[in-house]
Structure formats: structure tokens, C-alpha cells
Protein backbone atom coordinates (compact mmCIF):
# COMPACT_ATOMS: atom_id res chain seq x y z
CA MET A 1 -5.85 17.09 24.47
CA ILE A 2 -8.20 18.41 21.79
CA PHE A 3 -6.60 21.85 22.14
CA ILE A 4 -3.06 20.39 21.88
CA THR A 5 -4.08 18.28 18.88
CA LEU A 6 -5.55 21.33 17.16
CA CYS A 7 -2.42 23.37 17.87
CA VAL A 8 -0.17 20.67 16.43
CA ALA A 9 -2.37 20.32 13.34
CA MET A 10 -2.61 24.09 12.81
CA GLY A 11 1.11 24.67 13.27
CA ALA A 12 2.00 21.91 10.82
CA SER A 13 -0.66 23.08 8.35
CA ILE A 14 0.77 26.60 8.33
CA ALA A 15 4.23 25.18 7.71
CA VAL A 16 2.93 22.99 4.89
CA TRP A 17 1.32 26.01 3.25
CA VAL A 18 4.54 28.06 3.00
CA ILE A 19 7.21 25.46 2.22
CA ARG A 20 8.03 23.28 -0.78
CA PRO A 21 5.74 20.29 -1.42
CA ILE A 22 8.44 17.69 -0.66
CA THR A 23 9.21 19.37 2.66
CA GLY A 24 5.49 19.61 3.33
CA LEU A 25 5.19 15.87 2.71
CA LEU A 26 7.91 15.28 5.31
CA VAL A 27 6.14 17.54 7.80
CA TYR A 28 2.98 15.49 7.29
CA LEU A 29 4.87 12.22 7.82
CA ALA A 30 6.74 13.59 10.85
CA VAL A 31 3.53 14.64 12.61
CA THR A 32 1.79 11.39 11.61
CA CYS A 33 4.58 9.29 13.10
CA LEU A 34 5.63 11.40 16.09
CA TYR A 35 2.20 12.50 17.31
CA PRO A 36 -0.27 9.74 18.28
CA GLN A 37 -2.94 9.29 15.63
CA TYR A 38 -5.30 7.80 18.21
CA LEU A 39 -5.80 11.39 19.42
CA ALA A 40 -8.35 13.21 17.31
CA VAL A 41 -10.68 16.17 17.09
CA SER A 42 -14.21 14.77 17.07
CA ILE A 43 -16.94 16.54 15.12
CA GLY A 44 -20.08 14.50 15.66
CA THR A 45 -19.17 10.98 14.54
CA ILE A 46 -16.19 12.23 12.50
CA ASP A 47 -12.75 11.88 14.08
CA LEU A 48 -9.97 14.00 12.55
CA SER A 49 -6.45 13.13 13.62
CA THR A 50 -3.55 15.49 12.98
CA GLY A 51 -2.47 13.44 9.96
CA ARG A 52 -5.92 13.66 8.36
CA ILE A 53 -6.03 17.43 8.79
CA ILE A 54 -2.51 18.02 7.49
CA VAL A 55 -2.80 15.77 4.44
CA LEU A 56 -5.90 17.67 3.35
CA VAL A 57 -4.09 21.01 3.71
CA LEU A 58 -1.06 19.58 1.86
CA LEU A 59 -3.20 18.50 -1.08
CA LEU A 60 -5.00 21.86 -1.20
CA ARG A 61 -1.62 23.60 -1.27
CA ILE A 62 -0.34 21.32 -4.04
CA PHE A 63 -3.36 22.17 -6.19
CA THR A 64 -2.88 25.91 -5.65
CA ARG A 65 0.62 25.72 -7.10
CA ARG A 66 1.47 25.28 -10.75
CA LEU A 67 0.97 21.58 -11.43
CA ASP A 68 3.61 19.57 -13.25
CA PRO A 69 1.94 18.11 -16.38
CA VAL A 70 4.10 14.97 -16.07
CA LEU A 71 2.79 14.32 -12.56
CA MET A 72 -0.79 14.88 -13.69
CA ARG A 73 -0.71 12.00 -16.16
CA VAL A 74 -2.95 9.17 -14.96
CA ARG A 75 -1.11 5.97 -14.00
CA TRP A 76 -2.44 2.47 -13.60
CA THR A 77 -1.48 2.65 -9.93
CA ASP A 78 -3.84 5.60 -9.50
CA VAL A 79 -6.67 3.57 -10.98
CA LEU A 80 -5.90 0.52 -8.83
CA VAL A 81 -5.70 2.56 -5.61
CA LEU A 82 -9.12 4.07 -6.29
CA VAL A 83 -10.64 0.79 -7.47
CA THR A 84 -9.31 -1.03 -4.40
CA PHE A 85 -10.88 1.54 -2.10
CA GLY A 86 -14.12 1.71 -4.09
CA CYS A 87 -14.59 -2.06 -4.22
CA SER A 88 -14.07 -2.31 -0.46
CA VAL A 89 -16.73 0.33 0.12
CA LEU A 90 -19.09 -1.47 -2.26
CA ALA A 91 -18.56 -4.77 -0.47
CA PHE A 92 -19.15 -3.22 2.97
CA LEU A 93 -22.37 -1.57 1.76
CA THR A 94 -23.86 -5.00 1.03
CA ASN A 95 -23.44 -6.02 4.69
CA GLU A 96 -23.43 -2.84 6.76
CA ASP A 97 -25.37 0.37 7.33
CA ALA A 98 -24.40 3.11 4.86
CA ALA A 99 -23.76 5.70 7.59
CA LYS A 100 -21.39 3.33 9.39
CA VAL A 101 -19.52 2.59 6.16
CA ALA A 102 -19.22 6.30 5.35
CA GLU A 103 -17.79 7.04 8.79
CA ARG A 104 -15.24 4.22 8.87
CA GLU A 105 -14.15 4.24 5.25
CA GLY A 106 -14.07 8.04 5.18
CA GLY A 107 -11.30 7.99 7.78
CA LEU A 108 -9.47 5.26 5.86
CA PHE A 109 -9.75 7.39 2.70
CA PHE A 110 -7.79 10.16 4.41
CA ASP A 111 -5.20 7.72 5.78
CA THR A 112 -4.56 5.83 2.55
CA VAL A 113 -5.88 7.37 -0.67
CA LEU A 114 -5.06 10.97 0.28
CA ALA A 115 -1.68 9.91 1.68
CA TYR A 116 -0.98 8.24 -1.66
CA ALA A 117 -2.18 11.29 -3.61
CA SER A 118 0.00 13.71 -1.63
CA ALA A 119 3.13 11.64 -2.28
CA ARG A 120 2.11 10.88 -5.86
CA LEU A 121 1.81 14.61 -6.72
CA THR A 122 5.02 15.53 -4.89
CA LEU A 123 7.66 12.99 -5.94
CA ARG A 124 8.98 14.18 -9.31
CA THR A 125 12.79 13.88 -9.25
CA ARG A 126 15.37 11.60 -7.76
CA GLU A 127 16.25 14.34 -5.26
CA ASP A 128 12.64 14.31 -4.07
CA ALA A 129 12.87 10.55 -3.53
CA TYR A 130 16.14 10.75 -1.63
CA SER A 131 14.81 13.63 0.48
CA LEU A 132 11.78 11.51 1.39
CA MET A 133 13.92 8.53 2.37
CA ARG A 134 16.41 10.64 4.33
CA GLY A 135 13.60 12.49 6.12
CA LEU A 136 11.89 9.25 7.16
CA VAL A 137 15.14 7.90 8.58
CA PHE A 138 15.60 10.99 10.74
CA ILE A 139 11.97 10.84 11.85
CA GLY A 140 12.65 7.30 13.02
CA ILE A 141 15.68 8.14 15.18
CA PRO A 142 13.83 9.77 18.12
CA LEU A 143 11.14 7.09 17.93
CA ALA A 144 13.81 4.39 18.12
CA VAL A 145 15.30 6.03 21.23
CA ILE A 146 11.83 6.19 22.81
CA GLY A 147 11.24 2.55 21.89
CA VAL A 148 14.51 1.33 23.38
CA ASN A 149 13.89 3.28 26.57
CA GLN A 150 10.37 1.87 26.83
CA SER A 151 11.63 -1.65 26.22
CA LEU A 152 14.22 -1.35 28.98
CA THR A 153 12.26 0.63 31.59
CA GLY A 154 8.60 0.11 30.71
CA PHE A 155 8.00 3.86 30.49
CA ASN A 156 6.21 5.21 27.42
CA PRO A 157 6.09 9.05 27.30
CA TYR A 158 2.96 8.75 25.14
CA GLY A 159 1.18 6.31 27.44
CA TRP A 160 -0.79 8.90 29.43
CA MET A 161 -2.39 10.22 26.22
CA ARG A 162 -4.35 7.03 25.58
CA GLU A 163 -7.14 7.92 28.00
CA TYR A 164 -7.98 10.97 25.87
CA SER A 165 -8.48 8.97 22.69
CA PRO A 166 -12.02 9.02 21.26
CA PHE A 167 -11.51 5.46 20.02
CA GLY A 168 -11.86 3.90 23.47
CA LEU A 169 -8.30 2.65 23.91
CA LYS A 170 -7.39 0.79 27.08
CA GLU A 171 -4.80 2.10 29.52
CA GLN A 172 -1.16 1.55 28.63
CA GLU A 173 -0.24 -2.03 29.42
CA MET A 174 3.29 -3.32 29.38
CA ARG A 175 3.87 -6.90 28.35
CA VAL A 176 7.19 -8.62 28.82
CA ARG A 177 8.80 -10.97 26.34
CA PHE A 178 12.26 -12.46 26.95
CA GLY A 179 12.84 -10.03 29.79
CA LEU A 180 12.10 -6.88 27.76
CA TYR A 181 8.99 -4.73 27.66
CA ARG A 182 7.24 -4.55 24.31
CA ALA A 183 7.43 -0.97 23.07
CA ASP A 184 4.75 0.80 21.04
CA GLY A 185 5.80 4.47 21.30
CA SER A 186 3.44 6.88 19.55
CA PHE A 187 1.82 4.13 17.47
CA GLY A 188 -0.25 2.64 20.29
CA ASN A 189 0.41 -0.86 18.97
CA LYS A 190 3.59 -2.88 19.16
CA ILE A 191 3.53 -4.64 15.79
CA PRO A 192 3.16 -1.61 13.46
CA PHE A 193 5.72 0.21 15.60
CA GLY A 194 8.27 -2.50 14.78
CA LEU A 195 7.21 -2.67 11.10
CA PHE A 196 7.82 1.07 10.78
CA PHE A 197 11.51 0.51 11.54
CA ALA A 198 11.73 -2.44 9.16
CA MET A 199 10.90 -0.13 6.26
CA LEU A 200 13.35 2.50 7.54
CA VAL A 201 16.18 -0.05 7.63
CA ALA A 202 15.60 -0.68 3.90
CA LEU A 203 15.36 3.04 3.08
CA ASN A 204 18.53 3.83 5.02
CA ALA A 205 20.31 1.11 3.06
CA ALA A 206 19.03 2.75 -0.13
CA LEU A 207 20.78 5.97 0.91
CA TYR A 208 24.16 4.37 1.52
CA PHE A 209 25.68 4.73 -1.97
CA ALA A 210 23.61 7.61 -3.33
CA ARG A 211 24.28 9.84 -0.32
CA ARG A 212 27.94 8.83 -0.04
CA GLN A 213 27.45 7.95 3.64
CA HIS A 214 30.48 7.14 5.72
CA LEU A 215 30.38 3.47 6.74
CA VAL A 216 30.54 4.26 10.47
CA ARG A 217 27.67 6.74 10.21
CA PHE A 218 25.63 4.33 8.14
CA MET A 219 26.14 1.45 10.59
CA PHE A 220 25.34 3.73 13.52
CA LEU A 221 22.01 4.74 11.97
CA GLN A 222 21.20 1.14 11.06
CA GLY A 223 21.97 0.08 14.60
CA ILE A 224 19.57 2.67 16.03
CA LEU A 225 16.80 1.67 13.62
CA ILE A 226 17.26 -2.06 14.25
CA ALA A 227 17.24 -1.41 18.01
CA GLY A 228 13.93 0.42 17.56
CA LEU A 229 12.57 -2.58 15.63
CA ILE A 230 13.71 -5.05 18.29
CA SER A 231 12.16 -2.91 21.05
CA SER A 232 8.70 -3.98 19.84
CA MET A 233 9.64 -7.60 20.59
CA SER A 234 7.35 -8.79 17.80
CA SER A 235 7.92 -11.63 15.36
CA ALA A 236 6.43 -9.90 12.30
CA PRO A 237 8.97 -7.03 12.24
CA LEU A 238 11.79 -9.53 12.72
CA PHE A 239 10.48 -11.62 9.81
CA ALA A 240 10.38 -8.45 7.73
CA LEU A 241 13.95 -7.56 8.75
CA VAL A 242 15.32 -11.01 7.88
CA SER A 243 13.44 -11.06 4.55
CA LEU A 244 14.49 -7.59 3.40
CA THR A 245 18.09 -8.16 4.51
CA ALA A 246 18.27 -11.39 2.53
CA PHE A 247 16.88 -9.56 -0.50
CA ILE A 248 19.29 -6.62 -0.16
CA VAL A 249 22.43 -8.75 0.13
CA SER A 250 21.41 -10.68 -3.00
CA PHE A 251 21.84 -7.52 -5.11
CA PRO A 252 25.20 -8.64 -6.63
CA VAL A 253 23.61 -11.90 -7.86
CA ARG A 254 20.20 -10.46 -8.76
CA ARG A 255 20.41 -11.84 -12.30
CA ALA A 256 20.44 -15.33 -10.80
CA TRP A 257 17.00 -14.88 -9.21
CA PRO A 258 15.50 -17.93 -11.02
CA TYR A 259 18.10 -20.14 -9.34
CA LEU A 260 17.46 -18.52 -5.95
CA ALA A 261 13.72 -19.04 -6.39
CA PHE A 262 14.36 -22.67 -7.30
CA LEU A 263 16.51 -23.02 -4.17
CA VAL A 264 13.76 -21.63 -1.94
CA VAL A 265 11.17 -23.95 -3.48
CA GLY A 266 13.58 -26.85 -3.08
CA VAL A 267 14.20 -26.14 0.61
CA CYS A 268 10.45 -25.87 1.27
CA SER A 269 9.89 -29.14 -0.61
CA VAL A 270 12.52 -30.94 1.45
CA ILE A 271 10.95 -29.67 4.68
CA GLU A 272 7.52 -30.73 3.40
CA LEU A 273 8.71 -34.27 2.66
CA ALA A 274 10.94 -34.70 5.72
CA SER A 275 8.45 -33.37 8.28
CA ASP A 276 5.18 -34.87 9.45
CA ARG A 277 3.56 -31.45 8.97
CA HIS A 278 3.41 -28.87 6.18
CA PHE A 279 6.57 -26.80 5.74
CA TYR A 280 4.87 -23.60 6.94
CA HIS A 281 4.03 -25.31 10.24
CA VAL A 282 7.74 -25.93 10.81
CA LEU A 283 8.49 -22.25 10.25
CA THR A 284 6.50 -21.37 13.39
CA ARG A 285 9.51 -22.51 15.41
CA LEU A 286 11.37 -19.42 14.20
CA ALA A 287 8.81 -17.06 15.77
CA LEU A 288 9.28 -15.45 19.18
CA ASN A 289 6.03 -17.11 20.24
CA SER A 290 5.27 -20.32 18.36
CA ASN A 291 1.70 -20.44 19.71
CA THR A 292 0.70 -17.11 18.18
CA ALA A 293 2.53 -18.02 14.98
CA TYR A 294 0.59 -21.28 14.73
CA TYR A 295 -2.63 -19.28 15.21
CA ARG A 296 -1.88 -17.46 11.94
CA ILE A 297 -1.70 -20.76 10.08
CA GLN A 298 -4.94 -22.00 11.63
CA LEU A 299 -6.61 -18.72 10.60
CA MET A 300 -5.70 -19.29 6.94
CA GLU A 301 -6.72 -22.94 7.09
CA GLU A 302 -10.10 -21.99 8.52
CA ALA A 303 -10.67 -19.28 5.91
CA PHE A 304 -10.07 -21.65 3.00
CA GLY A 305 -11.49 -24.70 4.74
CA GLY A 306 -15.11 -23.59 4.82
CA GLY A 307 -15.00 -20.33 6.76
CA MET A 308 -16.01 -18.28 3.71
CA THR A 309 -18.92 -20.51 2.70
CA GLY A 310 -21.80 -18.32 1.58
CA HIS A 311 -19.75 -15.16 1.85
CA TRP A 312 -17.12 -15.50 -0.86
CA LEU A 313 -18.39 -12.59 -2.96
CA THR A 314 -18.60 -9.66 -0.53
CA GLY A 315 -17.47 -11.14 2.78
CA TYR A 316 -19.01 -10.63 6.22
CA GLY A 317 -18.59 -6.87 6.66
CA TYR A 318 -17.05 -5.36 9.80
CA VAL A 319 -16.21 -8.52 11.71
CA GLY A 320 -13.35 -9.86 13.73
CA LEU A 321 -12.21 -9.75 17.34
CA ALA A 322 -11.89 -5.97 17.40
CA ALA A 323 -14.83 -5.13 15.13
CA ASP A 324 -18.29 -6.34 16.10
CA PHE A 325 -17.29 -9.97 16.60
CA GLY A 326 -20.07 -12.44 15.84
CA ARG A 327 -22.15 -10.25 13.53
CA ASN A 328 -23.41 -11.11 10.05
CA GLY A 329 -23.02 -14.84 10.60
CA PHE A 330 -19.30 -14.62 11.33
CA ASN A 331 -18.52 -17.29 13.91
CA TRP A 332 -14.98 -18.39 13.12
CA VAL A 333 -13.03 -20.09 15.86
CA HIS A 334 -10.06 -17.92 14.94
CA ALA A 335 -11.72 -14.52 15.08
CA ASP A 336 -8.73 -12.18 15.31
CA LEU A 337 -7.97 -11.52 11.62
CA VAL A 338 -4.21 -11.06 11.99
CA ASN A 339 -3.41 -11.35 8.29
CA VAL A 340 -4.05 -8.40 6.00
CA TYR A 341 -5.07 -10.64 3.08
CA ILE A 342 -7.38 -12.84 5.17
CA TYR A 343 -8.82 -9.69 6.71
CA ARG A 344 -9.64 -8.33 3.26
CA LEU A 345 -11.14 -11.64 2.21
CA ALA A 346 -13.23 -12.10 5.36
CA THR A 347 -14.56 -8.55 5.48
CA THR A 348 -14.96 -7.70 1.76
CA GLY A 349 -14.78 -11.06 -0.03
CA ILE A 350 -13.46 -11.50 -3.56
CA VAL A 351 -14.81 -8.07 -4.52
CA GLY A 352 -12.39 -6.41 -2.10
CA VAL A 353 -9.41 -8.74 -2.05
CA VAL A 354 -8.82 -9.12 -5.80
CA PRO A 355 -8.16 -5.39 -6.50
CA PHE A 356 -5.96 -5.26 -3.40
CA VAL A 357 -3.84 -8.17 -4.64
CA LEU A 358 -3.63 -6.63 -8.14
CA LEU A 359 -2.43 -3.36 -6.58
CA ASN A 360 0.31 -5.22 -4.72
CA ILE A 361 1.41 -7.03 -7.88
CA HIS A 362 1.37 -3.83 -9.92
CA TYR A 363 3.69 -1.78 -7.74
CA TYR A 364 6.23 -4.60 -7.88
CA TRP A 365 6.04 -4.29 -11.66
CA CYS A 366 6.57 -0.53 -11.28
CA LEU A 367 9.68 -1.15 -9.19
CA TYR A 368 10.99 -3.56 -11.80
CA ARG A 369 10.52 -0.89 -14.47
CA GLY A 370 12.20 1.62 -12.15
CA GLY A 371 15.24 -0.61 -11.82
CA ARG A 372 15.43 -1.02 -15.58
CA ALA A 373 15.09 2.72 -16.16
CA ALA A 374 17.69 3.78 -13.59
CA VAL A 375 20.83 5.10 -15.31
CA SER A 376 23.30 4.77 -12.43
CA LEU A 377 24.33 1.98 -10.12
CA GLU A 378 23.39 4.08 -7.11
CA ASP A 379 19.82 4.51 -8.32
CA ARG A 380 19.46 0.83 -9.14
CA TRP A 381 20.63 0.05 -5.64
CA ALA A 382 18.03 2.47 -4.23
CA VAL A 383 15.20 0.83 -6.19
CA TRP A 384 16.43 -2.58 -5.06
CA CYS A 385 16.34 -1.51 -1.39
CA ILE A 386 12.87 0.02 -1.74
CA SER A 387 11.75 -3.30 -3.22
CA ALA A 388 13.32 -5.09 -0.25
CA GLY A 389 11.32 -2.92 2.13
CA VAL A 390 7.96 -3.68 0.53
CA ILE A 391 8.82 -7.38 0.23
CA GLY A 392 9.64 -7.47 3.94
CA TRP A 393 6.39 -5.72 4.76
CA ASN A 394 4.27 -7.98 2.54
CA ILE A 395 5.74 -11.08 4.14
CA ALA A 396 5.11 -9.64 7.60
CA LEU A 397 1.55 -8.61 6.71
CA MET A 398 0.70 -12.26 6.16
CA THR A 399 0.92 -12.56 9.96
CA VAL A 400 -0.47 -9.20 11.11
CA GLY A 401 -3.03 -6.60 10.10
CA ALA A 402 -2.21 -3.18 8.63
CA LEU A 403 -2.63 -1.03 11.73
CA ALA A 404 -1.90 2.48 12.97
CA GLN A 405 0.49 4.59 10.87
CA THR A 406 1.54 1.56 8.81
CA ASN A 407 -1.36 2.15 6.43
CA SER A 408 -0.41 5.73 5.55
CA LEU A 409 3.29 5.00 5.18
CA MET A 410 2.55 1.99 2.97
CA TYR A 411 0.59 4.13 0.52
CA VAL A 412 3.35 6.75 0.46
CA VAL A 413 5.81 3.98 -0.47
CA ILE A 414 3.37 2.74 -3.14
CA ALA A 415 3.40 6.25 -4.61
CA LEU A 416 7.20 6.19 -4.63
CA ALA A 417 7.17 2.79 -6.32
CA SER A 418 4.59 3.82 -8.93
CA GLY A 419 6.76 6.67 -10.17
CA SER A 420 10.13 4.97 -9.79
CA ALA A 421 10.75 4.69 -13.56
CA MET A 422 10.21 8.44 -13.94
CA ILE A 423 11.98 9.38 -10.69
CA PHE A 424 15.15 7.39 -11.29
CA GLY A 425 15.18 7.55 -15.08
CA ALA A 426 17.25 9.81 -17.33
CA ASP A 427 14.50 12.44 -17.56
CA SER A 428 14.54 12.88 -13.79
CA ILE A 429 18.28 13.54 -13.76
CA GLU A 430 17.81 16.24 -16.36
CA ALA A 431 15.00 17.77 -14.30
CA SER A 432 16.98 17.71 -11.05
CA ASP A 433 18.93 20.81 -10.05
CA THR A 434 21.68 18.81 -8.42
CA GLY A 435 22.29 16.26 -11.16
CA PRO A 436 23.10 12.57 -10.77
CA ALA A 437 24.20 11.13 -7.45
CA SER A 438 27.02 9.34 -9.22
CA ASP A 439 30.00 11.12 -10.71
CA GLU A 440 29.53 9.01 -13.81
CA THR A 441 27.64 10.19 -16.83
CA PRO A 442 24.42 8.25 -17.54
CA GLN A 443 26.01 6.78 -20.67
CA ALA A 444 29.07 5.60 -18.77
CA ALA A 445 26.94 3.96 -16.11
CA THR A 446 24.81 2.26 -18.73
CA ASN A 447 27.83 0.88 -20.57
CA ARG A 448 29.26 -0.83 -17.50
CA PRO A 449 28.40 -4.59 -17.54
CA PHE A 450 27.30 -4.58 -13.89
CA VAL A 451 24.44 -2.15 -14.57
CA GLN A 452 23.68 -3.15 -18.13
CA ARG A 453 19.99 -2.81 -18.86
């Protein structure tokens, strides 16, 4: 498998070197999603997956081309991405051996920071953004077919590859929920496999108006993507789907968001008062497995109920069910850190979790600015759907960890969000060879009450 992995990485790297950066970014994402990232070329203690090799080649190629001075301007998102990573490394160094931190965080640097940088230095115009979204949707189609087939038959064409992973993965196991097998495809994990499709559903919705999709074609693609999501048979992707759908359909009444927020708070308050438990305990009944959903609540209650005593500043280090359980004084009853925020808190403490939260808040602000800067209804709709995707993911990540390819794709979407004001603004339309997606002039779109800034 090392030879096959090298061939895939080399072939994609050659392609990345000779094609346009945006197409190279799509090649990187296609290989990352379609080829298992648990297969790697090991050099000593360093494990290089195909995605890690290709993203490095892509960045080298970007820097050998003439760089756009607009893209080279430093953004606050750039600073927060680097600070978030740096603070995590600093926190780990207070609890773990430096060589171990360098090995583990070095791989994460390739998967997140370099993935962000490659997208950040590629996405310049609205056509780049729409190409990215369209490419991701088409990458998801074969994976959805594989997922549905695995869910119905229990056969995963990637399953035999697991034994060749240097990360010590177990053999493919098929679990059944409500009469269907839980699919994981090339991801090697069911939950991130389903979350992948949740984001694609939002991005496909973003393409509906801008790409002038026929309704039948649009619904067909959405049906395939939703089927891929359901094939994972996981609650978190379904929560993400419901959340992002609710956000998308509220687009016509988006100016009434204070009233909607008040309504949500009111409903939660009524549940809190009418039930003998907290409102979030009642919500566990909506999960596919209420026992595992209740575990998530107990995990948060333990973290803030004394579990972090003595470790608030820099956490416990590499701890948890799948990472040296029981070390560094970590002896929580709920040891599987299936919440990305609790995971950050438990492993890196306040030093690591605060920059991470600030990064999440900041890219929402970037999307807000992108929506304000967009000069056409179609572009505003696209920004709204991108926002729906990240909202759905953030809600889901309160019940699961950021695993497998989810990490890389999340940082690519953060890069898209960080430049949304530039990408969908008037300057981008002038820079694009194909012009606006709408037949309207920017001034005409701005003057219409429905898209008034």
C-alpha cells in the first residue's frame, strides 16, 4: 500500500504543478476525501498521508507563481489560525515530551494550517469560490453512492485497506442501527463521514441560484448528498442537517433574526420550566441513540463540575479514551472527549481553547461582512448557505470530535469565510473574467429593497 499511496500522491502532485491553483486545490481535496488518509508513507516516526504531501506541493507551486498582492495582505483570520495552533502546541509542551508534541502537532499542522493557507492563497474571485463549492459537491457524489451501498449491504470497498494503516486501526467492523449498516467509506469513521455531506448539502444549496441550476437537477443532487449523510446513521450529522436547513429556509426573514433568537430562547425556557430536567437533557430524545446523547451532556457537566480542577490553564495533555487514557492525572469518568470544545479544554486548557473560540467567532464576523459586501442576491444567498454549513457543523461538533478529513475541510471553509467580503464584493466581480452570476448590474441589485445593504 505504500507504493500505491506514493503513486497517488505523485500523480496528484504532478497535476497540481501544471494546472491552475483553484483546480489544484480541488485535486488536493479530491484525493484527501476519496483516498483514505489513514494510509501513509512512514519515514521514521513521521507519517505522510497523500493529503499532506499534495498540500505541500500545492503551496510550493503557489509561491512559484506571481502572487496576487491582495491575497498577500495579512488578515486577522491568518493571525488567529496561527495563534490557535501555536497556543495548543505551547499547552501540550507543558504536559508532554517535546518529541511527541512535534510528531503529533506536525501532522495536524499539515492537515489544518497548510490546508487553510492553500485555500487562503487560492480563493480570489467569486468564480474561484463557486468552482470550489461545485467541485466539492461532485467529489461527494461517488462517496455518497459508496456510503449508501455500504449502509445497505455492509460492504465497504475501502475496508481491506485498514490493515495497512500505520496508525494501528482495527479491522473493518459493521455496526447496525435501525436495520442499516453505519457507513464510513474512505473516512474510516462514521461521524465525520456524515458531517462531510452536511457541509456539501449547504454548499450545493449555495450553488442553486448562482449556477442557475434546474430544480430537478438540484433536488437530485441534494437527494444523493442527503442519502450519503443518512448512510452514516449518526445523530451529529442529522443535527447538523436540521440546523443548517432551518437556517437556510430563514433567508427571506433574515432581518427578523432578533425575534427568531427570542423565540428559540423562549422555547428553551418553557422546556426548562415544564420539565423536571434541564432543557438540553430533553433534547437527547431527538437523537438516534439517547444513551450516547446523554453521555455528551454528562461529559460537559463533569468538565465544568470539577473535572478541570488544577488543570484549567494548560489542560492535561494528550488524554482521553483514544489517547493515553489515565495519564497526567486525567481520571474522568467520561473519558471519551466527544465534544471538540471540551476536548480542547481538557487537553490544552484555557490557553488552547480561548484562541480556538475566538477563531470561530471571527469567521462568523467575516461571513457577516461578506453578506454585507455582496452586490447581488445570488451572492448573498451563497454567503448565507456557507454560514448555514458552518453553523450546522459547529452545533454538531458540540457532540463529536473533529476527526478524519473533517479537520482539513473545516479549515478550507474558514479560508473561504475569511475572504468572503473580498470574494463576493464589487472588486471581485471586476476581477472575474466571467462577470456577475446575476444578469443585474451591481447597482441595480443594490437598489432593490430585498438586498438593500
